[in-house]
Amino acid sequence: MNHFLPFRLWLQSTLKRSVAPFVLALLAITVATARPGLSQDVLNKPVTLTLENVQLRDVLAGLENQTEVRFIHSPTAIQVSRRVSLTARHERLSVVLDRLLTPLAIDYSVVAGQILLSVHPATSAGEPKNEANAAPLEQSYTGRVVTATGNEGLPGVNVAVKGTNRGATTDGEGKFRIAANPGDVLIFSFIGYANQQVTLGDQLDLQIRMVESSDLLQEVTVIGSRGRPRTDVERPVPVDVVSSKELQATGQVDLGQMVQYNSPSFNSAKTGVNGVANYADPATLRGLSPDQVLVLVDGKRRHQFSALNLNQTVGLGTVVTDLNSIPSLALDRMEILRDGAAAQYGSDAIAGIVNLVLNKSVGVGTLKTQYGQTSKGDGAGYLAAVNYGFRLGKPNSYLNLTMHYQYTGGTNRSDPYLGNIYNATKAKEDSIRRLRGVWPVGSPFTVGVYGSNQTKALQGFYNLGMPLSRGWSIYSFGGYSRKDILAYGFFRNATPSNANSTPEIYPDGYVPQLPGTSVDYSTVVGLNRKVGAGWNLDFSTGYGYNYLDMWANNTTNPSLGAASPTNFYVGRSAFGQSTTEANLSKNYTGLFGTKSLNLALGGQYRVDQFELAQGSAESYSVGPLAKTKGKAPGSSGRPGIAPEDQTNTTRSNLGLYADVESDLSDRLLVAAALRYENYSDFGSNVSGKLAARVKLSESVSLRGSINKGFRAPSLQQTFNSQTTSTVQSGAIVQTKQLPSTDTRLAQIGIDNPKAETSWNYNLGLTAKAGNDFIVTLDAYQIDITDRIIESERLIIKDIAALKTRFTGLSEIRFFTNAINTTTKGIDFVTSYKHNFSPRSRFNASLAFTLNQTKITSTKATPAALQLDTPKPILLIDTVSIGLIETAQPRQKILLSLGYSYGKVGLNVRSSYFGEVTAWEKPAGKPHVSQTFGGKNLIDLTLIYNPIKTLSISLGGNNIFDVYPDKVIATSAAYSNGEIPYSRNVSQFGFNGAYYYANATITF
């Protein structure tokens, strides 16, 4: 088989199209901005700066930008909020620091090219004890401050003698020396770490281990802003931050399901008997489509899944990004931006962004094992995952590795079968059942398999970073994932009139097995440094790839009769994406009278490639029984990709952006972004964004944003082609999914799909009380114009304009810009945490979303298509409208409570999923709908930590065994009992209670 976009071709393409232009640009930037003297002594660097009555933190930031030297300090100890003035004109840094810091009683020293700031021992702060009357200092204490999980020294830790003004700061290796007396208490403080207090005794050499405070770290994010990281109250746009600990605490095994129970705006539910959705779970934000969410890994675009979802379910006609191809243990946290961001990150970011922030820890390992099963006894699964980080011989270097293996057994929730097996007449049916002895008479039995699919997954991920020479640093990350998934089709009975029956091979009927193998691999390599005058350069290139191999087993090609094989290779879909980008940013202090201003500029060049490769000949061939007995051609359950449907196509796009973010004052933050993109297949687009945040007080802020975004049609939507053969009234006819390049579409007035465009409005309020309580409330509206949809099946014989142009076909479908939609909603998130004592801790969170999506207008059917056909032709009907408006919960409420005391902890989670409505069109009857009521699921986890390095969890998800409402038994969607729970809507799955045991070891 022709390998899709092999690495060699990708590398050549990247070098020719992407790397060369950016290397030239990099050289030009370096020459233009490089300053002499970079190799001189740190303190001899020249400084020119004029600042009047600004905070000390802003002066230090200005010096960092101009000299490329980092200041390490404790903001509290040196009181960075003090206001100072500074004027320097081509003076050495040492002279400037003496003039600035001496009046403030701050000492400085150079360690490993960085400047450490500490409070001068003689400083008077607060009301220290009268040291003139204190006992003389008799001891000199030394020590080293290291991380709790590794033995890495921490530079810049503030060390203070409690109740005095004596202090010190650790050097580049984490070492310190301080004069004190036995009985004194030393306080160790450092940003991102919990404070430590140590009472001094006879031991003069100390080893201090600082513990990271995840409560402090997880509040800080970079997504949605190319400026400095900001906390909850400071952000101009709403961001959910879900830590790795919170993801793992759900007891779920897939990353998508972990997020489902942590973020109210995120929705992803598993399904069964649902085409491509069996192999990559659709995931949405704010009730929009899966392809209107952009997924990033460490701020870099993640490639999409290769196959197109063409089933009547959430995400019809869209391509997803498979979150479950990334092992959850590889993540430090997940950031979910609930706002449009196409102006900053490009196409697809209409509903928002999911940014996966990778683990960079070193010197510590995690081994996780878990086993669980449903209350029905099926769905048994286990996973084993390990993560470990290494230091690569240099400070600030890391190599973090993750391996993950997972097996999840399938489930079956089919109801007893109500249909016939052998004959439409009941007497003959019962007689044959008794004779065959396979299916019972008069007692219930099941024939189908409807539930979650069996999955085997093997995944690995790496994350690397290392400083090089002359200020350069290299980083790289990527991984591999293989998922083998077993799905099922509908039961095929053995009645002679059934076009899908093959009694010669399966005299008692059969259920097609539909295995699929999904493989992903990706890598990103980048370089960054400060290139002079305070500019930060980031240059990277990456490649991501997915293919899905599909089979149809335990089935037949009915048109071949007894000559049919029972296992078929159906074909392959594949998608590859190479991305090369360069980003420049600089932070100014005092520019144009602002407190700070961050300017970011950059460009991105991307090449996408999509391929469909044919299956085995028997999977799509038309056998002799198609005409003689009306038997269906192609492998039943999943016809193969025919030669005429093969494709291999590429496109490229170039994007350029500018981004400005400025603290105009202590209270007012404004941001703006503008992006231009040009696509080789449909033209260009300009998007923009404005955002602001006003601090009403130190703990309350008002924020808002408005942005214009877009989503380019995917290659899968533009070039996907699929032919399905059926037998109707004794004649072989074909249903065709037409690629947009088919010239006949233009003849009936159907233009090639163009980009969707959107206007996104957000207004929010944030509040914070200390470090314990946070609340955010955001209202939004998203207007989408020219939304791309999959058309209805247009029956050739019923439409005059199609009869002469599409001979030999019975139905056609295609993609088109047909509708405009509006989504309105409210997101509310609040969290509270409190430590009653070092051993007693409590946390709680409440989050909910309310939203509604409506189709505001539908484009008129083209006149060329409607010509000479009296009956109105609809490109979208009630069923598809329902998938957009009512198939996802419009209310979702998440409540989480956690308490730990010593070695024992208890977590309780309540998840409410609002009602959904499904529509169907019975043959020859009007549309009918069914509404499935909202449900509440309760999860419970008991945690025991016998030692610091071992955590054991026993838990249950959905412990009260709640299921969705059942499909009405008289409806066609019930499928004679095979589909008791709707496969057309997405609520929370239908497996019932799940119980598990988990053991996690840190080492």
Foldseek 3Di string as FASTA:
>chain_A
DDDFCDPVNVVVCCVVPPDVVVVVVVVVVLVVFFDPDLPPDQQQDWDFDWDAFAFQVLVQQQCCLARVAAEFEDCVQLVRRGTDTAGGDRGGNNVRCCVPCVVSQWDWDAAPRHIYIGHHQPDDDDDADDCVPDDDFDAKAKEFEAAPQARATDWRKWKDFPRGSWIWTAGPRRMDIGTDDQQIKIWTDHPQWDIDIDGHDDDRYDYHHTYGDVLRVQQWDCPPHPDHTDGCQPDQFDKDKFFLVQLVVVVDFFSLVSVCQVDFQKFWAQWAQFPPCLPAIQMDGQQFAQQLEFEAEQLHGADWAFDARCGQAFRHGHTHRHRRQDGSVQARIKMWTQAADCLPRNFNRQRTYIYTYGDFDANKKKWKKKWWAFPVRAQTKMKIKMKHKHAPPDPPWIKIKMKMKMKTGWQADFWFFQAAFEDRDPVVRQVVCVVVVPDDPPDTDDDFGTARWIKIKIKMKMWTKDADPPFKIKIKIKMKMKMKIKGKHDWQGQYLLGLFHQCLVVVRTWIKIKIKIKMKIKMKMWMWGQSHSSKIKIKMKMKMKMKMWMKIAQGFFVQAHPPTDRIWGQWMKMKMKMKIKMKMKGKHDCVVHFRIKMKMKMKMKMKMKIWIGWIDCQQADRHNCCQVRVHFGGTPSHRHADPVQIDIDMKMKMKIKMKMWTRRDPFKIKIKMKMKMAIPPAGIDIKMKIKMWGDPDPFKIKIKMKIKRKHFDDPCQQRGKGWGWGHDPSRIAIEIEDHQPPPLCVQLPFHRQGMKMKMKIKIKMWGDDPSFKIKMKMKMKMKIALDKHKFDWDAQVQWPLRVVPPPRHGTYIHIGSWFIKMKIKMKMKMKGKDAPDPFKIKIKIKIKMAMWMATPDTDARRCSRRPPRPDGDGRDDDQNRLSSTFQFFRMKMKIKIKIGGHFKIKIKIKIKGAKGKGWDDPPPDHIDMDIKGIDMAMKIKIWGDPDPFKIKIKIKTSVVFDAIQFDPCPDVQCVSRSGRDHSHGGTHTGSTMMIMMMMMGMD
